[in-house]
PDB file of N, CA and C in Angstrom:
ATOM      1  N   UNK A   1      16.843  12.972  45.909  1.00  0.00           N
ATOM      2  CA  UNK A   1      16.817  11.964  44.872  1.00  0.00           C
ATOM      3  C   UNK A   1      17.167  12.631  43.545  1.00  0.00           C
ATOM      4  N   UNK A   2      18.077  12.018  42.808  1.00  0.00           N
ATOM      5  CA  UNK A   2      18.499  12.519  41.510  1.00  0.00           C
ATOM      6  C   UNK A   2      17.402  12.264  40.486  1.00  0.00           C
ATOM      7  N   UNK A   3      17.078  13.294  39.703  1.00  0.00           N
ATOM      8  CA  UNK A   3      16.073  13.164  38.652  1.00  0.00           C
ATOM      9  C   UNK A   3      16.615  13.705  37.337  1.00  0.00           C
ATOM     10  N   UNK A   4      15.970  13.323  36.259  1.00  0.00           N
ATOM     11  CA  UNK A   4      16.276  13.845  34.934  1.00  0.00           C
ATOM     12  C   UNK A   4      14.972  14.268  34.271  1.00  0.00           C
ATOM     13  N   UNK A   5      15.075  15.200  33.363  1.00  0.00           N
ATOM     14  CA  UNK A   5      13.934  15.572  32.526  1.00  0.00           C
ATOM     15  C   UNK A   5      14.176  14.921  31.170  1.00  0.00           C
ATOM     16  N   UNK A   6      13.326  13.994  30.805  1.00  0.00           N
ATOM     17  CA  UNK A   6      13.535  13.221  29.582  1.00  0.00           C
ATOM     18  C   UNK A   6      12.280  13.253  28.714  1.00  0.00           C
ATOM     19  N   UNK A   7      12.479  12.930  27.450  1.00  0.00           N
ATOM     20  CA  UNK A   7      11.369  12.792  26.517  1.00  0.00           C
ATOM     21  C   UNK A   7      11.674  11.630  25.580  1.00  0.00           C
ATOM     22  N   UNK A   8      10.731  10.697  25.483  1.00  0.00           N
ATOM     23  CA  UNK A   8      10.794   9.601  24.520  1.00  0.00           C
ATOM     24  C   UNK A   8       9.881  10.001  23.375  1.00  0.00           C
ATOM     25  N   UNK A   9      10.359   9.889  22.141  1.00  0.00           N
ATOM     26  CA  UNK A   9       9.523  10.258  20.993  1.00  0.00           C
ATOM     27  C   UNK A   9       9.521   9.143  19.952  1.00  0.00           C
ATOM     28  N   UNK A  10       8.388   9.058  19.278  1.00  0.00           N
ATOM     29  CA  UNK A  10       8.217   8.163  18.137  1.00  0.00           C
ATOM     30  C   UNK A  10       7.754   9.042  16.984  1.00  0.00           C
ATOM     31  N   UNK A  11       8.511   9.028  15.890  1.00  0.00           N
ATOM     32  CA  UNK A  11       8.144   9.809  14.708  1.00  0.00           C
ATOM     33  C   UNK A  11       7.924   8.853  13.547  1.00  0.00           C
ATOM     34  N   UNK A  12       6.718   8.892  13.020  1.00  0.00           N
ATOM     35  CA  UNK A  12       6.373   8.036  11.884  1.00  0.00           C
ATOM     36  C   UNK A  12       5.760   8.890  10.805  1.00  0.00           C
ATOM     37  N   UNK A  13       6.365   8.829   9.644  1.00  0.00           N
ATOM     38  CA  UNK A  13       5.884   9.597   8.499  1.00  0.00           C
ATOM     39  C   UNK A  13       5.721  11.080   8.853  1.00  0.00           C
ATOM     40  N   UNK A  14       6.673  11.616   9.612  1.00  0.00           N
ATOM     41  CA  UNK A  14       6.676  13.027   9.963  1.00  0.00           C
ATOM     42  C   UNK A  14       5.773  13.419  11.123  1.00  0.00           C
ATOM     43  N   UNK A  15       5.037  12.488  11.663  1.00  0.00           N
ATOM     44  CA  UNK A  15       4.151  12.775  12.804  1.00  0.00           C
ATOM     45  C   UNK A  15       4.833  12.274  14.070  1.00  0.00           C
ATOM     46  N   UNK A  16       5.091  13.211  14.986  1.00  0.00           N
ATOM     47  CA  UNK A  16       5.808  12.881  16.213  1.00  0.00           C
ATOM     48  C   UNK A  16       4.847  12.765  17.388  1.00  0.00           C
ATOM     49  N   UNK A  17       5.005  11.676  18.120  1.00  0.00           N
ATOM     50  CA  UNK A  17       4.290  11.493  19.383  1.00  0.00           C
ATOM     51  C   UNK A  17       5.342  11.536  20.476  1.00  0.00           C
ATOM     52  N   UNK A  18       5.194  12.490  21.387  1.00  0.00           N
ATOM     53  CA  UNK A  18       6.173  12.681  22.460  1.00  0.00           C
ATOM     54  C   UNK A  18       5.607  12.193  23.786  1.00  0.00           C
ATOM     55  N   UNK A  19       6.464  11.585  24.556  1.00  0.00           N
ATOM     56  CA  UNK A  19       6.128  11.120  25.897  1.00  0.00           C
ATOM     57  C   UNK A  19       7.063  11.830  26.876  1.00  0.00           C
ATOM     58  N   UNK A  20       6.670  13.029  27.344  1.00  0.00           N
ATOM     59  CA  UNK A  20       7.540  13.777  28.250  1.00  0.00           C
ATOM     60  C   UNK A  20       7.602  13.110  29.626  1.00  0.00           C
ATOM     61  N   UNK A  21       8.781  13.130  30.204  1.00  0.00           N
ATOM     62  CA  UNK A  21       9.028  12.501  31.492  1.00  0.00           C
ATOM     63  C   UNK A  21       9.742  13.501  32.407  1.00  0.00           C
ATOM     64  N   UNK A  22       9.024  14.505  32.904  1.00  0.00           N
ATOM     65  CA  UNK A  22       9.670  15.490  33.764  1.00  0.00           C
ATOM     66  C   UNK A  22       9.980  14.904  35.136  1.00  0.00           C
ATOM     67  N   UNK A  23      11.115  15.296  35.657  1.00  0.00           N
ATOM     68  CA  UNK A  23      11.540  14.878  37.000  1.00  0.00           C
ATOM     69  C   UNK A  23      11.454  13.362  37.185  1.00  0.00           C
ATOM     70  N   UNK A  24      11.940  12.642  36.198  1.00  0.00           N
ATOM     71  CA  UNK A  24      11.952  11.181  36.240  1.00  0.00           C
ATOM     72  C   UNK A  24      13.092  10.731  37.159  1.00  0.00           C
ATOM     73  N   UNK A  25      12.791   9.856  38.096  1.00  0.00           N
ATOM     74  CA  UNK A  25      13.829   9.334  38.990  1.00  0.00           C
ATOM     75  C   UNK A  25      14.933   8.700  38.151  1.00  0.00           C
ATOM     76  N   UNK A  26      16.179   8.950  38.546  1.00  0.00           N
ATOM     77  CA  UNK A  26      17.308   8.491  37.752  1.00  0.00           C
ATOM     78  C   UNK A  26      17.303   6.970  37.588  1.00  0.00           C
ATOM     79  N   UNK A  27      16.957   6.246  38.630  1.00  0.00           N
ATOM     80  CA  UNK A  27      16.903   4.781  38.528  1.00  0.00           C
ATOM     81  C   UNK A  27      15.878   4.345  37.479  1.00  0.00           C
ATOM     82  N   UNK A  28      14.755   5.036  37.404  1.00  0.00           N
ATOM     83  CA  UNK A  28      13.730   4.712  36.403  1.00  0.00           C
ATOM     84  C   UNK A  28      14.245   5.045  35.008  1.00  0.00           C
ATOM     85  N   UNK A  29      14.983   6.150  34.889  1.00  0.00           N
ATOM     86  CA  UNK A  29      15.558   6.550  33.605  1.00  0.00           C
ATOM     87  C   UNK A  29      16.534   5.478  33.099  1.00  0.00           C
ATOM     88  N   UNK A  30      17.382   4.976  33.984  1.00  0.00           N
ATOM     89  CA  UNK A  30      18.331   3.937  33.597  1.00  0.00           C
ATOM     90  C   UNK A  30      17.576   2.677  33.178  1.00  0.00           C
ATOM     91  N   UNK A  31      16.522   2.340  33.896  1.00  0.00           N
ATOM     92  CA  UNK A  31      15.682   1.191  33.535  1.00  0.00           C
ATOM     93  C   UNK A  31      15.088   1.389  32.147  1.00  0.00           C
ATOM     94  N   UNK A  32      14.617   2.587  31.865  1.00  0.00           N
ATOM     95  CA  UNK A  32      14.044   2.899  30.552  1.00  0.00           C
ATOM     96  C   UNK A  32      15.101   2.754  29.460  1.00  0.00           C
ATOM     97  N   UNK A  33      16.289   3.281  29.699  1.00  0.00           N
ATOM     98  CA  UNK A  33      17.361   3.150  28.709  1.00  0.00           C
ATOM     99  C   UNK A  33      17.644   1.681  28.395  1.00  0.00           C
ATOM    100  N   UNK A  34      17.771   0.878  29.430  1.00  0.00           N
ATOM    101  CA  UNK A  34      18.081  -0.541  29.237  1.00  0.00           C
ATOM    102  C   UNK A  34      16.966  -1.245  28.464  1.00  0.00           C
ATOM    103  N   UNK A  35      15.710  -0.941  28.799  1.00  0.00           N
ATOM    104  CA  UNK A  35      14.578  -1.560  28.097  1.00  0.00           C
ATOM    105  C   UNK A  35      14.568  -1.174  26.623  1.00  0.00           C
ATOM    106  N   UNK A  36      14.789   0.105  26.333  1.00  0.00           N
ATOM    107  CA  UNK A  36      14.786   0.563  24.940  1.00  0.00           C
ATOM    108  C   UNK A  36      15.962  -0.015  24.168  1.00  0.00           C
ATOM    109  N   UNK A  37      17.118  -0.116  24.812  1.00  0.00           N
ATOM    110  CA  UNK A  37      18.283  -0.704  24.146  1.00  0.00           C
ATOM    111  C   UNK A  37      18.000  -2.168  23.800  1.00  0.00           C
ATOM    112  N   UNK A  38      17.367  -2.895  24.720  1.00  0.00           N
ATOM    113  CA  UNK A  38      17.007  -4.286  24.440  1.00  0.00           C
ATOM    114  C   UNK A  38      16.090  -4.403  23.236  1.00  0.00           C
ATOM    115  N   UNK A  39      15.110  -3.510  23.153  1.00  0.00           N
ATOM    116  CA  UNK A  39      14.198  -3.522  22.006  1.00  0.00           C
ATOM    117  C   UNK A  39      14.948  -3.163  20.721  1.00  0.00           C
ATOM    118  N   UNK A  40      15.882  -2.218  20.793  1.00  0.00           N
ATOM    119  CA  UNK A  40      16.658  -1.854  19.608  1.00  0.00           C
ATOM    120  C   UNK A  40      17.544  -3.006  19.131  1.00  0.00           C
ATOM    121  N   UNK A  41      18.070  -3.782  20.064  1.00  0.00           N
ATOM    122  CA  UNK A  41      18.861  -4.949  19.677  1.00  0.00           C
ATOM    123  C   UNK A  41      17.987  -5.920  18.882  1.00  0.00           C
ATOM    124  N   UNK A  42      16.760  -6.129  19.336  1.00  0.00           N
ATOM    125  CA  UNK A  42      15.850  -7.003  18.595  1.00  0.00           C
ATOM    126  C   UNK A  42      15.555  -6.435  17.208  1.00  0.00           C
ATOM    127  N   UNK A  43      15.315  -5.127  17.136  1.00  0.00           N
ATOM    128  CA  UNK A  43      15.032  -4.505  15.839  1.00  0.00           C
ATOM    129  C   UNK A  43      16.234  -4.611  14.904  1.00  0.00           C
ATOM    130  N   UNK A  44      17.438  -4.515  15.453  1.00  0.00           N
ATOM    131  CA  UNK A  44      18.645  -4.652  14.635  1.00  0.00           C
ATOM    132  C   UNK A  44      18.717  -6.058  14.045  1.00  0.00           C
ATOM    133  N   UNK A  45      18.390  -7.052  14.855  1.00  0.00           N
ATOM    134  CA  UNK A  45      18.365  -8.429  14.354  1.00  0.00           C
ATOM    135  C   UNK A  45      17.335  -8.616  13.251  1.00  0.00           C
ATOM    136  N   UNK A  46      16.149  -8.063  13.465  1.00  0.00           N
ATOM    137  CA  UNK A  46      15.105  -8.162  12.449  1.00  0.00           C
ATOM    138  C   UNK A  46      15.551  -7.461  11.165  1.00  0.00           C
ATOM    139  N   UNK A  47      16.135  -6.268  11.314  1.00  0.00           N
ATOM    140  CA  UNK A  47      16.578  -5.487  10.157  1.00  0.00           C
ATOM    141  C   UNK A  47      17.682  -6.177   9.387  1.00  0.00           C
ATOM    142  N   UNK A  48      18.600  -6.811  10.088  1.00  0.00           N
ATOM    143  CA  UNK A  48      19.688  -7.525   9.434  1.00  0.00           C
ATOM    144  C   UNK A  48      19.143  -8.698   8.629  1.00  0.00           C
ATOM    145  N   UNK A  49      18.183  -9.403   9.213  1.00  0.00           N
ATOM    146  CA  UNK A  49      17.573 -10.520   8.492  1.00  0.00           C
ATOM    147  C   UNK A  49      16.843 -10.012   7.247  1.00  0.00           C
ATOM    148  N   UNK A  50      16.104  -8.913   7.383  1.00  0.00           N
ATOM    149  CA  UNK A  50      15.372  -8.350   6.239  1.00  0.00           C
ATOM    150  C   UNK A  50      16.341  -7.918   5.142  1.00  0.00           C
ATOM    151  N   UNK A  51      17.448  -7.279   5.543  1.00  0.00           N
ATOM    152  CA  UNK A  51      18.437  -6.845   4.552  1.00  0.00           C
ATOM    153  C   UNK A  51      19.006  -8.045   3.804  1.00  0.00           C
ATOM    154  N   UNK A  52      19.300  -9.112   4.531  1.00  0.00           N
ATOM    155  CA  UNK A  52      19.819 -10.321   3.885  1.00  0.00           C
ATOM    156  C   UNK A  52      18.791 -10.906   2.921  1.00  0.00           C
ATOM    157  N   UNK A  53      17.525 -10.884   3.315  1.00  0.00           N
ATOM    158  CA  UNK A  53      16.478 -11.406   2.428  1.00  0.00           C
ATOM    159  C   UNK A  53      16.363 -10.557   1.161  1.00  0.00           C
ATOM    160  N   UNK A  54      16.524  -9.240   1.298  1.00  0.00           N
ATOM    161  CA  UNK A  54      16.474  -8.370   0.121  1.00  0.00           C
ATOM    162  C   UNK A  54      17.644  -8.661  -0.810  1.00  0.00           C
ATOM    163  N   UNK A  55      18.841  -8.797  -0.246  1.00  0.00           N
ATOM    164  CA  UNK A  55      20.031  -9.069  -1.053  1.00  0.00           C
ATOM    165  C   UNK A  55      19.901 -10.419  -1.756  1.00  0.00           C
ATOM    166  N   UNK A  56      19.361 -11.399  -1.048  1.00  0.00           N
ATOM    167  CA  UNK A  56      19.214 -12.745  -1.614  1.00  0.00           C
ATOM    168  C   UNK A  56      17.956 -12.883  -2.463  1.00  0.00           C
ATOM    169  N   UNK A  57      17.161 -11.799  -2.548  1.00  0.00           N
ATOM    170  CA  UNK A  57      15.920 -11.777  -3.326  1.00  0.00           C
ATOM    171  C   UNK A  57      14.956 -12.882  -2.888  1.00  0.00           C
ATOM    172  N   UNK A  58      14.805 -13.011  -1.562  1.00  0.00           N
ATOM    173  CA  UNK A  58      13.888 -13.993  -0.986  1.00  0.00           C
ATOM    174  C   UNK A  58      12.461 -13.471  -1.139  1.00  0.00           C
ATOM    175  N   UNK A  59      11.548 -14.241  -1.724  1.00  0.00           N
ATOM    176  CA  UNK A  59      10.168 -13.766  -1.850  1.00  0.00           C
ATOM    177  C   UNK A  59       9.504 -13.643  -0.477  1.00  0.00           C
ATOM    178  N   UNK A  60       8.624 -12.668  -0.361  1.00  0.00           N
ATOM    179  CA  UNK A  60       7.956 -12.398   0.913  1.00  0.00           C
ATOM    180  C   UNK A  60       6.549 -12.984   0.952  1.00  0.00           C
ATOM    181  N   UNK A  61       6.292 -14.004   0.172  1.00  0.00           N
ATOM    182  CA  UNK A  61       4.953 -14.599   0.139  1.00  0.00           C
ATOM    183  C   UNK A  61       4.565 -15.137   1.507  1.00  0.00           C
ATOM    184  N   UNK A  62       3.377 -14.752   1.964  1.00  0.00           N
ATOM    185  CA  UNK A  62       2.866 -15.216   3.244  1.00  0.00           C
ATOM    186  C   UNK A  62       3.583 -14.628   4.442  1.00  0.00           C
ATOM    187  N   UNK A  63       4.438 -13.666   4.223  1.00  0.00           N
ATOM    188  CA  UNK A  63       5.188 -13.037   5.302  1.00  0.00           C
ATOM    189  C   UNK A  63       4.993 -11.530   5.258  1.00  0.00           C
ATOM    190  N   UNK A  64       5.596 -10.893   6.225  1.00  0.00           N
ATOM    191  CA  UNK A  64       5.579  -9.441   6.245  1.00  0.00           C
ATOM    192  C   UNK A  64       6.349  -8.909   5.032  1.00  0.00           C
ATOM    193  N   UNK A  65       5.819  -7.903   4.343  1.00  0.00           N
ATOM    194  CA  UNK A  65       6.525  -7.349   3.187  1.00  0.00           C
ATOM    195  C   UNK A  65       7.925  -6.865   3.570  1.00  0.00           C
ATOM    196  N   UNK A  66       8.879  -7.067   2.669  1.00  0.00           N
ATOM    197  CA  UNK A  66      10.255  -6.664   2.945  1.00  0.00           C
ATOM    198  C   UNK A  66      10.478  -5.182   2.722  1.00  0.00           C
ATOM    199  N   UNK A  67       9.725  -4.611   1.803  1.00  0.00           N
ATOM    200  CA  UNK A  67       9.922  -3.201   1.452  1.00  0.00           C
ATOM    201  C   UNK A  67       8.661  -2.406   1.741  1.00  0.00           C
ATOM    202  N   UNK A  68       8.846  -1.106   1.831  1.00  0.00           N
ATOM    203  CA  UNK A  68       7.710  -0.229   2.040  1.00  0.00           C
ATOM    204  C   UNK A  68       8.130   1.214   1.887  1.00  0.00           C
ATOM    205  N   UNK A  69       7.262   2.095   2.321  1.00  0.00           N
ATOM    206  CA  UNK A  69       7.534   3.528   2.172  1.00  0.00           C
ATOM    207  C   UNK A  69       7.533   4.261   3.507  1.00  0.00           C
ATOM    208  N   UNK A  70       7.449   3.541   4.601  1.00  0.00           N
ATOM    209  CA  UNK A  70       7.357   4.177   5.914  1.00  0.00           C
ATOM    210  C   UNK A  70       8.723   4.569   6.460  1.00  0.00           C
ATOM    211  N   UNK A  71       8.767   5.747   7.048  1.00  0.00           N
ATOM    212  CA  UNK A  71       9.938   6.219   7.781  1.00  0.00           C
ATOM    213  C   UNK A  71       9.562   6.231   9.256  1.00  0.00           C
ATOM    214  N   UNK A  72      10.498   5.827  10.109  1.00  0.00           N
ATOM    215  CA  UNK A  72      10.216   5.667  11.527  1.00  0.00           C
ATOM    216  C   UNK A  72      11.461   6.014  12.333  1.00  0.00           C
ATOM    217  N   UNK A  73      11.281   6.812  13.395  1.00  0.00           N
ATOM    218  CA  UNK A  73      12.389   7.192  14.274  1.00  0.00           C
ATOM    219  C   UNK A  73      11.956   7.092  15.717  1.00  0.00           C
ATOM    220  N   UNK A  74      12.842   6.551  16.547  1.00  0.00           N
ATOM    221  CA  UNK A  74      12.655   6.519  17.991  1.00  0.00           C
ATOM    222  C   UNK A  74      13.783   7.332  18.612  1.00  0.00           C
ATOM    223  N   UNK A  75      13.475   8.112  19.647  1.00  0.00           N
ATOM    224  CA  UNK A  75      14.542   8.850  20.322  1.00  0.00           C
ATOM    225  C   UNK A  75      14.230   9.012  21.806  1.00  0.00           C
ATOM    226  N   UNK A  76      15.293   9.122  22.569  1.00  0.00           N
ATOM    227  CA  UNK A  76      15.207   9.408  23.992  1.00  0.00           C
ATOM    228  C   UNK A  76      16.221  10.498  24.272  1.00  0.00           C
ATOM    229  N   UNK A  77      15.736  11.635  24.757  1.00  0.00           N
ATOM    230  CA  UNK A  77      16.583  12.788  25.066  1.00  0.00           C
ATOM    231  C   UNK A  77      16.407  13.102  26.535  1.00  0.00           C
ATOM    232  N   UNK A  78      17.521  13.383  27.220  1.00  0.00           N
ATOM    233  CA  UNK A  78      17.439  13.667  28.652  1.00  0.00           C
ATOM    234  C   UNK A  78      18.355  14.819  29.031  1.00  0.00           C
ATOM    235  N   UNK A  79      17.864  15.653  29.926  1.00  0.00           N
ATOM    236  CA  UNK A  79      18.653  16.718  30.544  1.00  0.00           C
ATOM    237  C   UNK A  79      18.971  16.245  31.956  1.00  0.00           C
ATOM    238  N   UNK A  80      20.247  16.011  32.216  1.00  0.00           N
ATOM    239  CA  UNK A  80      20.677  15.494  33.514  1.00  0.00           C
ATOM    240  C   UNK A  80      20.994  16.606  34.506  1.00  0.00           C
ATOM    241  N   UNK A  81      20.828  17.849  34.111  1.00  0.00           N
ATOM    242  CA  UNK A  81      21.150  18.969  34.982  1.00  0.00           C
ATOM    243  C   UNK A  81      22.556  19.487  34.717  1.00  0.00           C
ATOM    244  N   UNK A  82      23.544  18.618  34.763  1.00  0.00           N
ATOM    245  CA  UNK A  82      24.930  19.010  34.502  1.00  0.00           C
ATOM    246  C   UNK A  82      25.362  18.557  33.104  1.00  0.00           C
ATOM    247  N   UNK A  83      24.421  18.165  32.304  1.00  0.00           N
ATOM    248  CA  UNK A  83      24.711  17.690  30.956  1.00  0.00           C
ATOM    249  C   UNK A  83      23.471  17.079  30.349  1.00  0.00           C
ATOM    250  N   UNK A  84      23.625  16.571  29.155  1.00  0.00           N
ATOM    251  CA  UNK A  84      22.481  15.981  28.457  1.00  0.00           C
ATOM    252  C   UNK A  84      22.935  14.721  27.730  1.00  0.00           C
ATOM    253  N   UNK A  85      21.966  13.889  27.384  1.00  0.00           N
ATOM    254  CA  UNK A  85      22.252  12.703  26.584  1.00  0.00           C
ATOM    255  C   UNK A  85      21.091  12.463  25.640  1.00  0.00           C
ATOM    256  N   UNK A  86      21.374  11.755  24.561  1.00  0.00           N
ATOM    257  CA  UNK A  86      20.310  11.432  23.620  1.00  0.00           C
ATOM    258  C   UNK A  86      20.709  10.222  22.789  1.00  0.00           C
ATOM    259  N   UNK A  87      19.702   9.533  22.293  1.00  0.00           N
ATOM    260  CA  UNK A  87      19.930   8.483  21.305  1.00  0.00           C
ATOM    261  C   UNK A  87      18.756   8.541  20.354  1.00  0.00           C
ATOM    262  N   UNK A  88      18.989   8.087  19.147  1.00  0.00           N
ATOM    263  CA  UNK A  88      17.889   7.930  18.203  1.00  0.00           C
ATOM    264  C   UNK A  88      18.232   6.805  17.238  1.00  0.00           C
ATOM    265  N   UNK A  89      17.209   6.179  16.745  1.00  0.00           N
ATOM    266  CA  UNK A  89      17.342   5.131  15.737  1.00  0.00           C
ATOM    267  C   UNK A  89      16.292   5.411  14.678  1.00  0.00           C
ATOM    268  N   UNK A  90      16.711   5.402  13.426  1.00  0.00           N
ATOM    269  CA  UNK A  90      15.800   5.718  12.329  1.00  0.00           C
ATOM    270  C   UNK A  90      15.784   4.602  11.300  1.00  0.00           C
ATOM    271  N   UNK A  91      14.612   4.398  10.737  1.00  0.00           N
ATOM    272  CA  UNK A  91      14.406   3.386   9.707  1.00  0.00           C
ATOM    273  C   UNK A  91      13.695   4.054   8.538  1.00  0.00           C
ATOM    274  N   UNK A  92      14.102   3.713   7.324  1.00  0.00           N
ATOM    275  CA  UNK A  92      13.486   4.290   6.127  1.00  0.00           C
ATOM    276  C   UNK A  92      13.113   3.171   5.165  1.00  0.00           C
ATOM    277  N   UNK A  93      11.992   3.361   4.486  1.00  0.00           N
ATOM    278  CA  UNK A  93      11.569   2.415   3.465  1.00  0.00           C
ATOM    279  C   UNK A  93      11.126   1.072   4.003  1.00  0.00           C
ATOM    280  N   UNK A  94      10.521   1.075   5.205  1.00  0.00           N
ATOM    281  CA  UNK A  94      10.029  -0.185   5.756  1.00  0.00           C
ATOM    282  C   UNK A  94       8.530  -0.304   5.489  1.00  0.00           C
ATOM    283  N   UNK A  95       8.039  -1.511   5.568  1.00  0.00           N
ATOM    284  CA  UNK A  95       6.622  -1.731   5.302  1.00  0.00           C
ATOM    285  C   UNK A  95       5.779  -1.159   6.437  1.00  0.00           C
ATOM    286  N   UNK A  96       4.525  -0.921   6.156  1.00  0.00           N
ATOM    287  CA  UNK A  96       3.601  -0.432   7.178  1.00  0.00           C
ATOM    288  C   UNK A  96       3.500  -1.438   8.325  1.00  0.00           C
ATOM    289  N   UNK A  97       3.442  -2.717   7.980  1.00  0.00           N
ATOM    290  CA  UNK A  97       3.375  -3.755   9.001  1.00  0.00           C
ATOM    291  C   UNK A  97       4.658  -3.775   9.837  1.00  0.00           C
ATOM    292  N   UNK A  98       5.798  -3.592   9.184  1.00  0.00           N
ATOM    293  CA  UNK A  98       7.072  -3.545   9.896  1.00  0.00           C
ATOM    294  C   UNK A  98       7.131  -2.348  10.835  1.00  0.00           C
ATOM    295  N   UNK A  99       6.627  -1.203  10.389  1.00  0.00           N
ATOM    296  CA  UNK A  99       6.590  -0.014  11.237  1.00  0.00           C
ATOM    297  C   UNK A  99       5.659  -0.227  12.427  1.00  0.00           C
ATOM    298  N   UNK A 100       4.514  -0.871  12.174  1.00  0.00           N
ATOM    299  CA  UNK A 100       3.576  -1.169  13.272  1.00  0.00           C
ATOM    300  C   UNK A 100       4.230  -2.070  14.316  1.00  0.00           C
ATOM    301  N   UNK A 101       4.876  -3.114  13.856  1.00  0.00           N
ATOM    302  CA  UNK A 101       5.489  -4.077  14.778  1.00  0.00           C
ATOM    303  C   UNK A 101       6.670  -3.466  15.527  1.00  0.00           C
ATOM    304  N   UNK A 102       7.457  -2.666  14.838  1.00  0.00           N
ATOM    305  CA  UNK A 102       8.596  -2.011  15.488  1.00  0.00           C
ATOM    306  C   UNK A 102       8.118  -1.041  16.562  1.00  0.00           C
ATOM    307  N   UNK A 103       7.090  -0.278  16.240  1.00  0.00           N
ATOM    308  CA  UNK A 103       6.531   0.666  17.212  1.00  0.00           C
ATOM    309  C   UNK A 103       5.953  -0.083  18.403  1.00  0.00           C
ATOM    310  N   UNK A 104       5.247  -1.172  18.145  1.00  0.00           N
ATOM    311  CA  UNK A 104       4.672  -1.963  19.241  1.00  0.00           C
ATOM    312  C   UNK A 104       5.766  -2.498  20.156  1.00  0.00           C
ATOM    313  N   UNK A 105       6.875  -2.973  19.590  1.00  0.00           N
ATOM    314  CA  UNK A 105       7.979  -3.491  20.394  1.00  0.00           C
ATOM    315  C   UNK A 105       8.583  -2.397  21.268  1.00  0.00           C
ATOM    316  N   UNK A 106       8.824  -1.226  20.685  1.00  0.00           N
ATOM    317  CA  UNK A 106       9.415  -0.125  21.458  1.00  0.00           C
ATOM    318  C   UNK A 106       8.446   0.376  22.531  1.00  0.00           C
ATOM    319  N   UNK A 107       7.162   0.420  22.219  1.00  0.00           N
ATOM    320  CA  UNK A 107       6.186   0.869  23.219  1.00  0.00           C
ATOM    321  C   UNK A 107       6.043  -0.149  24.343  1.00  0.00           C
ATOM    322  N   UNK A 108       6.183  -1.423  24.015  1.00  0.00           N
ATOM    323  CA  UNK A 108       6.148  -2.445  25.054  1.00  0.00           C
ATOM    324  C   UNK A 108       7.342  -2.261  25.995  1.00  0.00           C
ATOM    325  N   UNK A 109       8.502  -1.976  25.444  1.00  0.00           N
ATOM    326  CA  UNK A 109       9.687  -1.725  26.276  1.00  0.00           C
ATOM    327  C   UNK A 109       9.480  -0.472  27.125  1.00  0.00           C
ATOM    328  N   UNK A 110       8.953   0.581  26.507  1.00  0.00           N
ATOM    329  CA  UNK A 110       8.696   1.834  27.238  1.00  0.00           C
ATOM    330  C   UNK A 110       7.705   1.601  28.378  1.00  0.00           C
ATOM    331  N   UNK A 111       6.578   0.980  28.063  1.00  0.00           N
ATOM    332  CA  UNK A 111       5.545   0.755  29.087  1.00  0.00           C
ATOM    333  C   UNK A 111       6.028  -0.161  30.205  1.00  0.00           C
ATOM    334  N   UNK A 112       6.813  -1.171  29.848  1.00  0.00           N
ATOM    335  CA  UNK A 112       7.347  -2.064  30.867  1.00  0.00           C
ATOM    336  C   UNK A 112       8.299  -1.337  31.817  1.00  0.00           C
ATOM    337  N   UNK A 113       9.146  -0.482  31.250  1.00  0.00           N
ATOM    338  CA  UNK A 113      10.090   0.249  32.085  1.00  0.00           C
ATOM    339  C   UNK A 113       9.401   1.281  32.962  1.00  0.00           C
ATOM    340  N   UNK A 114       8.303   1.837  32.481  1.00  0.00           N
ATOM    341  CA  UNK A 114       7.631   2.910  33.209  1.00  0.00           C
ATOM    342  C   UNK A 114       6.603   2.365  34.213  1.00  0.00           C
ATOM    343  N   UNK A 115       6.252   1.092  34.107  1.00  0.00           N
ATOM    344  CA  UNK A 115       5.305   0.493  35.064  1.00  0.00           C
ATOM    345  C   UNK A 115       6.023   0.230  36.380  1.00  0.00           C
ATOM    346  N   UNK A 116       5.269   0.159  37.407  1.00  0.00           N
ATOM    347  CA  UNK A 116       5.905  -0.207  38.677  1.00  0.00           C
ATOM    348  C   UNK A 116       5.461   0.651  39.830  1.00  0.00           C
ATOM    349  N   UNK A 117       6.381   0.861  40.717  1.00  0.00           N
ATOM    350  CA  UNK A 117       6.064   1.481  42.001  1.00  0.00           C
ATOM    351  C   UNK A 117       5.882   2.999  41.956  1.00  0.00           C
ATOM    352  N   UNK A 118       5.990   3.612  40.794  1.00  0.00           N
ATOM    353  CA  UNK A 118       5.708   5.042  40.679  1.00  0.00           C
ATOM    354  C   UNK A 118       6.779   5.949  41.225  1.00  0.00           C
ATOM    355  N   UNK A 119       8.020   5.460  41.317  1.00  0.00           N
ATOM    356  CA  UNK A 119       9.086   6.316  41.871  1.00  0.00           C
ATOM    357  C   UNK A 119       9.470   7.418  40.935  1.00  0.00           C
TER     358      UNK A 119
END
């Protein structure tokens, strides 16, 4: 069975939490990639809307703050044996609530992809 050695990381305000995945079955790795990409697509949509609200100077009353000071990065790095792959997405100047929600979305994707039959 083909396996990869991968690590998913979340870095917030310089503090990195790593989720090492040694000898991860390749099918599970592909599932993880797809789940994380889906979550990133959602985050891109949220970010685009927030950027438009900032440009249009839409007030954030009763909503999540548009601006903040949090920096946040997600990454997935894998050693395939005959090569390597990686992706990362970084956000700067987001609100604490936005960072919390973004992290929760990515962790939900991670946990969903990693749940299952234990292959």
